[in-house]
Each structure stands twice: as structure tokens, then as C-alpha cells.
Amino acid sequence: MKKYKRLFLIDGDSFVYQALNGMNRIDPEDKILILVSDEALRSKLIQKGYVRQNVGVVVVKPGKEAVDNRIKGILGNLINQENRGCIFIISHDHGYYKQINRYRTKYGVHADTLDLKKSIQAAL
């Protein structure tokens, strides 16, 4: 994954358009990764102009909590890297709290650099 200042991992199965609120205020050094389990939604996001240079959409194989598990996997791969920057999970799903709290404790990550928010706007 390319370097970034702030990474926004968007749960596309959870109020995706509300989650993207505020994306016009991100910096060029930020990265948004929208994860969806529906190819039609991916196409719609592209068609509506949400995908840009620092915004990507990933389609995960549909299944029970597929998007949640992929986000948790990405987070697990990034969290112990020194240059991880700030990571925000954007979702209305509260299932991420347990993992976020575990990583904050285990790696001494401050809430300002790893958090769960309902929109990009709320993270800014």
C-alpha cells in the first residue's frame, strides 16, 4: 500500500454514502479505501465520481462479515508498522471497537491515530 498521512478504511456495506461525507476535505497525502461486497455498488461509486487518485474501491468476495474481516485484516497488517500514519475505520458497525482497543493497548497506539468514526467528516 502506498504511503499516506491518514488512511480511511470505509465499510462500504454500512451507510457508504454517509461514510464518505467530508471526503472533499481530505489532503492529497491521505488515502481512502472503500471496501464493498457488491460489484454493482463499486460501479456506482465509480460512475458517481467517488473514485479518484487517492480513493480506491475494493470488492471482496461476498460472505458473512466479509467486508468487516477484510478491514480487520488490513488493520492487522498495518498497525505494527512504524510509518502507519493515522488510521480511521469509517463504519456504523460497532464490531470494530474490540479490535481497536486491543491494538491501542498492545501497541500503545493513541486514539488520535486509530479510531472508529461514522464518516470521514467526523474523523476530521
N, C-alpha and C. Protein backbone atom coordinates (compact mmCIF):
# COMPACT_ATOMS: atom_id res chain seq x y z
N MET A 1 0.85 -1.18 0.00
CA MET A 1 0.00 0.00 0.00
C MET A 1 0.89 1.24 0.00
N LYS A 2 0.51 2.22 -0.78
CA LYS A 2 1.28 3.46 -0.85
C LYS A 2 1.30 4.17 0.49
N LYS A 3 2.27 5.04 0.64
CA LYS A 3 2.35 5.82 1.87
C LYS A 3 1.18 6.80 1.94
N TYR A 4 0.82 7.15 3.13
CA TYR A 4 -0.29 8.06 3.36
C TYR A 4 -0.08 8.75 4.70
N LYS A 5 -0.72 9.88 4.85
CA LYS A 5 -0.72 10.58 6.14
C LYS A 5 -1.84 10.02 7.00
N ARG A 6 -3.03 9.94 6.41
CA ARG A 6 -4.20 9.35 7.08
C ARG A 6 -4.83 8.36 6.12
N LEU A 7 -5.20 7.21 6.67
CA LEU A 7 -5.87 6.18 5.88
C LEU A 7 -7.28 6.02 6.42
N PHE A 8 -8.24 6.10 5.52
CA PHE A 8 -9.65 5.92 5.87
C PHE A 8 -10.11 4.61 5.27
N LEU A 9 -10.40 3.63 6.11
CA LEU A 9 -10.91 2.33 5.66
C LEU A 9 -12.43 2.39 5.78
N ILE A 10 -13.11 2.42 4.65
CA ILE A 10 -14.55 2.62 4.61
C ILE A 10 -15.26 1.28 4.51
N ASP A 11 -16.15 1.02 5.45
CA ASP A 11 -17.02 -0.16 5.41
C ASP A 11 -18.15 0.16 4.44
N GLY A 12 -18.02 -0.29 3.21
CA GLY A 12 -18.99 0.01 2.16
C GLY A 12 -20.31 -0.69 2.32
N ASP A 13 -20.41 -1.62 3.23
CA ASP A 13 -21.67 -2.30 3.49
C ASP A 13 -22.45 -1.62 4.61
N SER A 14 -21.95 -0.47 5.06
CA SER A 14 -22.56 0.21 6.19
C SER A 14 -22.70 1.71 5.89
N PHE A 15 -23.80 2.11 5.28
CA PHE A 15 -24.08 3.53 5.00
C PHE A 15 -22.92 4.20 4.25
N VAL A 16 -22.55 3.65 3.12
CA VAL A 16 -21.35 4.09 2.41
C VAL A 16 -21.39 5.57 2.03
N TYR A 17 -22.52 6.07 1.55
CA TYR A 17 -22.56 7.48 1.13
C TYR A 17 -22.47 8.42 2.33
N GLN A 18 -23.06 8.04 3.43
CA GLN A 18 -22.94 8.83 4.66
C GLN A 18 -21.49 8.77 5.16
N ALA A 19 -20.86 7.62 5.04
CA ALA A 19 -19.46 7.46 5.47
C ALA A 19 -18.52 8.37 4.68
N LEU A 20 -18.82 8.56 3.41
CA LEU A 20 -17.96 9.36 2.54
C LEU A 20 -18.15 10.86 2.71
N ASN A 21 -19.10 11.26 3.52
CA ASN A 21 -19.33 12.67 3.78
C ASN A 21 -18.04 13.30 4.33
N GLY A 22 -17.57 14.33 3.69
CA GLY A 22 -16.34 15.01 4.11
C GLY A 22 -15.13 14.64 3.28
N MET A 23 -15.30 13.74 2.33
CA MET A 23 -14.12 13.31 1.56
C MET A 23 -13.53 14.42 0.71
N ASN A 24 -14.29 15.46 0.43
CA ASN A 24 -13.75 16.59 -0.33
C ASN A 24 -12.77 17.43 0.50
N ARG A 25 -12.67 17.14 1.80
CA ARG A 25 -11.77 17.89 2.68
C ARG A 25 -10.47 17.15 2.99
N ILE A 26 -10.25 16.00 2.38
CA ILE A 26 -9.02 15.26 2.69
C ILE A 26 -7.83 15.88 1.98
N ASP A 27 -6.66 15.64 2.51
CA ASP A 27 -5.42 16.14 1.94
C ASP A 27 -4.94 15.20 0.83
N PRO A 28 -4.12 15.70 -0.08
CA PRO A 28 -3.57 14.84 -1.14
C PRO A 28 -2.74 13.67 -0.59
N GLU A 29 -2.21 13.81 0.62
CA GLU A 29 -1.40 12.75 1.22
C GLU A 29 -2.27 11.68 1.89
N ASP A 30 -3.56 11.89 1.96
CA ASP A 30 -4.48 10.93 2.58
C ASP A 30 -4.91 9.88 1.55
N LYS A 31 -5.37 8.76 2.06
CA LYS A 31 -5.85 7.69 1.19
C LYS A 31 -7.18 7.17 1.74
N ILE A 32 -8.12 6.95 0.83
CA ILE A 32 -9.41 6.36 1.17
C ILE A 32 -9.52 5.03 0.45
N LEU A 33 -9.86 4.00 1.21
CA LEU A 33 -10.07 2.69 0.63
C LEU A 33 -11.48 2.24 1.01
N ILE A 34 -12.35 2.14 0.00
CA ILE A 34 -13.73 1.74 0.20
C ILE A 34 -13.82 0.25 -0.08
N LEU A 35 -14.29 -0.51 0.89
CA LEU A 35 -14.43 -1.95 0.71
C LEU A 35 -15.91 -2.29 0.61
N VAL A 36 -16.28 -2.98 -0.46
CA VAL A 36 -17.67 -3.36 -0.71
C VAL A 36 -17.73 -4.84 -1.08
N SER A 37 -18.91 -5.43 -0.92
CA SER A 37 -19.09 -6.84 -1.30
C SER A 37 -20.00 -6.96 -2.52
N ASP A 38 -20.26 -5.84 -3.18
CA ASP A 38 -21.18 -5.82 -4.31
C ASP A 38 -20.53 -5.09 -5.48
N GLU A 39 -20.33 -5.79 -6.58
CA GLU A 39 -19.71 -5.19 -7.77
C GLU A 39 -20.55 -4.03 -8.31
N ALA A 40 -21.88 -4.14 -8.20
CA ALA A 40 -22.75 -3.07 -8.68
C ALA A 40 -22.52 -1.78 -7.89
N LEU A 41 -22.31 -1.89 -6.59
CA LEU A 41 -22.02 -0.71 -5.78
C LEU A 41 -20.68 -0.11 -6.17
N ARG A 42 -19.71 -0.95 -6.44
CA ARG A 42 -18.40 -0.46 -6.90
C ARG A 42 -18.57 0.35 -8.18
N SER A 43 -19.31 -0.19 -9.12
CA SER A 43 -19.55 0.50 -10.39
C SER A 43 -20.27 1.83 -10.17
N LYS A 44 -21.23 1.83 -9.27
CA LYS A 44 -21.99 3.04 -8.97
C LYS A 44 -21.09 4.12 -8.36
N LEU A 45 -20.20 3.72 -7.46
CA LEU A 45 -19.26 4.67 -6.84
C LEU A 45 -18.33 5.27 -7.89
N ILE A 46 -17.88 4.44 -8.81
CA ILE A 46 -17.02 4.93 -9.89
C ILE A 46 -17.79 5.88 -10.79
N GLN A 47 -19.00 5.47 -11.16
CA GLN A 47 -19.84 6.28 -12.04
C GLN A 47 -20.16 7.65 -11.44
N LYS A 48 -20.39 7.70 -10.14
CA LYS A 48 -20.74 8.95 -9.48
C LYS A 48 -19.51 9.81 -9.15
N GLY A 49 -18.32 9.35 -9.51
CA GLY A 49 -17.12 10.16 -9.34
C GLY A 49 -16.45 10.09 -7.98
N TYR A 50 -16.78 9.09 -7.19
CA TYR A 50 -16.15 8.98 -5.87
C TYR A 50 -14.72 8.45 -5.96
N VAL A 51 -14.40 7.72 -7.00
CA VAL A 51 -13.06 7.15 -7.14
C VAL A 51 -12.17 8.18 -7.82
N ARG A 52 -11.08 8.49 -7.14
CA ARG A 52 -10.13 9.50 -7.62
C ARG A 52 -8.72 8.96 -7.43
N GLN A 53 -7.74 9.84 -7.55
CA GLN A 53 -6.34 9.42 -7.43
C GLN A 53 -6.04 8.75 -6.10
N ASN A 54 -6.53 9.30 -5.00
CA ASN A 54 -6.21 8.74 -3.69
C ASN A 54 -7.42 8.03 -3.06
N VAL A 55 -8.39 7.64 -3.90
CA VAL A 55 -9.57 6.91 -3.45
C VAL A 55 -9.71 5.65 -4.28
N GLY A 56 -9.77 4.51 -3.60
CA GLY A 56 -9.92 3.25 -4.31
C GLY A 56 -11.10 2.46 -3.77
N VAL A 57 -11.60 1.55 -4.61
CA VAL A 57 -12.69 0.68 -4.21
C VAL A 57 -12.22 -0.76 -4.40
N VAL A 58 -12.41 -1.57 -3.36
CA VAL A 58 -12.04 -2.98 -3.41
C VAL A 58 -13.30 -3.81 -3.22
N VAL A 59 -13.54 -4.74 -4.13
CA VAL A 59 -14.66 -5.66 -4.00
C VAL A 59 -14.15 -6.92 -3.33
N VAL A 60 -14.75 -7.28 -2.21
CA VAL A 60 -14.38 -8.51 -1.51
C VAL A 60 -15.43 -9.57 -1.82
N LYS A 61 -15.00 -10.80 -1.78
CA LYS A 61 -15.92 -11.90 -2.04
C LYS A 61 -17.03 -11.88 -1.00
N PRO A 62 -18.30 -11.86 -1.45
CA PRO A 62 -19.42 -11.79 -0.50
C PRO A 62 -19.41 -12.96 0.48
N GLY A 63 -19.83 -12.68 1.68
CA GLY A 63 -19.91 -13.69 2.73
C GLY A 63 -20.22 -13.02 4.05
N LYS A 64 -20.43 -13.82 5.05
CA LYS A 64 -20.76 -13.28 6.36
C LYS A 64 -19.59 -12.43 6.88
N GLU A 65 -19.87 -11.17 7.11
CA GLU A 65 -18.89 -10.20 7.62
C GLU A 65 -17.62 -10.12 6.77
N ALA A 66 -17.77 -10.31 5.46
CA ALA A 66 -16.61 -10.30 4.56
C ALA A 66 -15.88 -8.97 4.56
N VAL A 67 -16.63 -7.88 4.47
CA VAL A 67 -16.01 -6.55 4.46
C VAL A 67 -15.36 -6.27 5.82
N ASP A 68 -16.08 -6.58 6.89
CA ASP A 68 -15.52 -6.37 8.24
C ASP A 68 -14.21 -7.13 8.41
N ASN A 69 -14.20 -8.38 7.99
CA ASN A 69 -13.00 -9.20 8.15
C ASN A 69 -11.84 -8.69 7.30
N ARG A 70 -12.12 -8.18 6.11
CA ARG A 70 -11.04 -7.64 5.26
C ARG A 70 -10.47 -6.38 5.89
N ILE A 71 -11.34 -5.53 6.42
CA ILE A 71 -10.86 -4.31 7.08
C ILE A 71 -10.00 -4.68 8.29
N LYS A 72 -10.45 -5.63 9.07
CA LYS A 72 -9.67 -6.06 10.24
C LYS A 72 -8.33 -6.65 9.81
N GLY A 73 -8.30 -7.37 8.69
CA GLY A 73 -7.05 -7.92 8.17
C GLY A 73 -6.09 -6.83 7.73
N ILE A 74 -6.59 -5.84 7.02
CA ILE A 74 -5.75 -4.71 6.59
C ILE A 74 -5.19 -4.00 7.82
N LEU A 75 -6.05 -3.76 8.78
CA LEU A 75 -5.61 -3.09 10.00
C LEU A 75 -4.53 -3.90 10.71
N GLY A 76 -4.72 -5.21 10.79
CA GLY A 76 -3.73 -6.08 11.43
C GLY A 76 -2.38 -6.04 10.73
N ASN A 77 -2.38 -5.88 9.41
CA ASN A 77 -1.12 -5.82 8.66
C ASN A 77 -0.42 -4.47 8.81
N LEU A 78 -1.16 -3.43 9.08
CA LEU A 78 -0.58 -2.08 9.14
C LEU A 78 -0.23 -1.61 10.54
N ILE A 79 -0.92 -2.10 11.54
CA ILE A 79 -0.87 -1.49 12.87
C ILE A 79 0.52 -1.49 13.52
N ASN A 80 1.32 -2.50 13.27
CA ASN A 80 2.62 -2.54 13.94
C ASN A 80 3.74 -1.93 13.10
N GLN A 81 3.40 -1.29 12.01
CA GLN A 81 4.40 -0.60 11.19
C GLN A 81 4.66 0.79 11.74
N GLU A 82 5.91 1.17 11.78
CA GLU A 82 6.27 2.47 12.35
C GLU A 82 5.70 3.64 11.56
N ASN A 83 5.60 3.50 10.26
CA ASN A 83 5.15 4.61 9.41
C ASN A 83 3.68 4.46 9.02
N ARG A 84 2.87 3.92 9.93
CA ARG A 84 1.47 3.63 9.59
C ARG A 84 0.60 4.88 9.45
N GLY A 85 1.01 6.00 9.99
CA GLY A 85 0.18 7.21 9.95
C GLY A 85 -1.07 7.02 10.79
N CYS A 86 -2.06 7.83 10.54
CA CYS A 86 -3.34 7.72 11.25
C CYS A 86 -4.27 6.81 10.47
N ILE A 87 -4.98 5.96 11.17
CA ILE A 87 -5.91 5.04 10.53
C ILE A 87 -7.29 5.23 11.15
N PHE A 88 -8.26 5.46 10.29
CA PHE A 88 -9.64 5.60 10.74
C PHE A 88 -10.49 4.56 10.03
N ILE A 89 -11.23 3.80 10.81
CA ILE A 89 -12.22 2.90 10.24
C ILE A 89 -13.52 3.69 10.24
N ILE A 90 -14.14 3.77 9.07
CA ILE A 90 -15.37 4.54 8.93
C ILE A 90 -16.52 3.54 8.74
N SER A 91 -17.36 3.46 9.77
CA SER A 91 -18.45 2.48 9.75
C SER A 91 -19.46 2.80 10.84
N HIS A 92 -20.66 2.30 10.66
CA HIS A 92 -21.68 2.37 11.70
C HIS A 92 -21.69 1.08 12.50
N ASP A 93 -20.85 0.15 12.14
CA ASP A 93 -20.76 -1.16 12.79
C ASP A 93 -19.84 -1.04 14.01
N HIS A 94 -20.35 -1.36 15.18
CA HIS A 94 -19.56 -1.23 16.41
C HIS A 94 -18.66 -2.43 16.68
N GLY A 95 -18.68 -3.41 15.80
CA GLY A 95 -17.86 -4.60 15.98
C GLY A 95 -16.36 -4.35 15.91
N TYR A 96 -15.95 -3.19 15.46
CA TYR A 96 -14.53 -2.87 15.35
C TYR A 96 -13.92 -2.40 16.67
N TYR A 97 -14.75 -1.98 17.61
CA TYR A 97 -14.23 -1.43 18.87
C TYR A 97 -13.30 -2.38 19.59
N LYS A 98 -13.66 -3.64 19.66
CA LYS A 98 -12.85 -4.61 20.40
C LYS A 98 -11.43 -4.70 19.84
N GLN A 99 -11.33 -4.81 18.52
CA GLN A 99 -10.00 -4.90 17.90
C GLN A 99 -9.23 -3.60 18.04
N ILE A 100 -9.89 -2.48 17.86
CA ILE A 100 -9.23 -1.18 18.01
C ILE A 100 -8.67 -1.03 19.42
N ASN A 101 -9.46 -1.34 20.42
CA ASN A 101 -9.00 -1.24 21.81
C ASN A 101 -7.83 -2.18 22.09
N ARG A 102 -7.88 -3.38 21.51
CA ARG A 102 -6.78 -4.33 21.70
C ARG A 102 -5.49 -3.78 21.10
N TYR A 103 -5.57 -3.21 19.90
CA TYR A 103 -4.37 -2.66 19.26
C TYR A 103 -3.87 -1.42 19.99
N ARG A 104 -4.77 -0.61 20.48
CA ARG A 104 -4.33 0.57 21.24
C ARG A 104 -3.52 0.14 22.45
N THR A 105 -3.98 -0.89 23.15
CA THR A 105 -3.29 -1.37 24.33
C THR A 105 -1.98 -2.08 23.97
N LYS A 106 -2.05 -3.00 23.02
CA LYS A 106 -0.89 -3.83 22.67
C LYS A 106 0.26 -3.01 22.08
N TYR A 107 -0.07 -2.06 21.20
CA TYR A 107 0.97 -1.30 20.51
C TYR A 107 1.12 0.13 21.02
N GLY A 108 0.37 0.49 22.05
CA GLY A 108 0.46 1.84 22.59
C GLY A 108 0.02 2.90 21.61
N VAL A 109 -0.99 2.57 20.82
CA VAL A 109 -1.49 3.49 19.80
C VAL A 109 -2.49 4.45 20.44
N HIS A 110 -2.30 5.73 20.21
CA HIS A 110 -3.18 6.75 20.78
C HIS A 110 -4.48 6.83 19.98
N ALA A 111 -5.55 7.21 20.63
CA ALA A 111 -6.88 7.32 19.99
C ALA A 111 -6.89 8.29 18.81
N ASP A 112 -5.99 9.26 18.81
CA ASP A 112 -5.93 10.21 17.70
C ASP A 112 -5.39 9.57 16.42
N THR A 113 -4.71 8.43 16.55
CA THR A 113 -4.11 7.80 15.37
C THR A 113 -4.78 6.49 14.98
N LEU A 114 -5.73 6.02 15.77
CA LEU A 114 -6.51 4.84 15.42
C LEU A 114 -7.88 4.97 16.06
N ASP A 115 -8.92 5.08 15.21
CA ASP A 115 -10.25 5.30 15.77
C ASP A 115 -11.32 4.82 14.80
N LEU A 116 -12.52 4.69 15.34
CA LEU A 116 -13.72 4.32 14.58
C LEU A 116 -14.62 5.55 14.53
N LYS A 117 -15.00 5.95 13.35
CA LYS A 117 -15.89 7.10 13.16
C LYS A 117 -17.01 6.70 12.19
N LYS A 118 -18.08 7.51 12.16
CA LYS A 118 -19.21 7.22 11.30
C LYS A 118 -19.08 7.88 9.92
N SER A 119 -18.17 8.82 9.78
CA SER A 119 -17.95 9.47 8.49
C SER A 119 -16.53 10.04 8.46
N ILE A 120 -16.08 10.33 7.27
CA ILE A 120 -14.78 10.99 7.13
C ILE A 120 -14.85 12.35 7.82
N GLN A 121 -15.96 13.04 7.66
CA GLN A 121 -16.17 14.35 8.30
C GLN A 121 -15.94 14.26 9.80
N ALA A 122 -16.47 13.21 10.43
CA ALA A 122 -16.32 13.04 11.88
C ALA A 122 -14.86 12.80 12.28
N ALA A 123 -14.08 12.22 11.39
CA ALA A 123 -12.67 11.95 11.67
C ALA A 123 -11.82 13.21 11.53
N LEU A 124 -12.27 14.13 10.73
CA LEU A 124 -11.51 15.35 10.51
C LEU A 124 -11.77 16.31 11.63
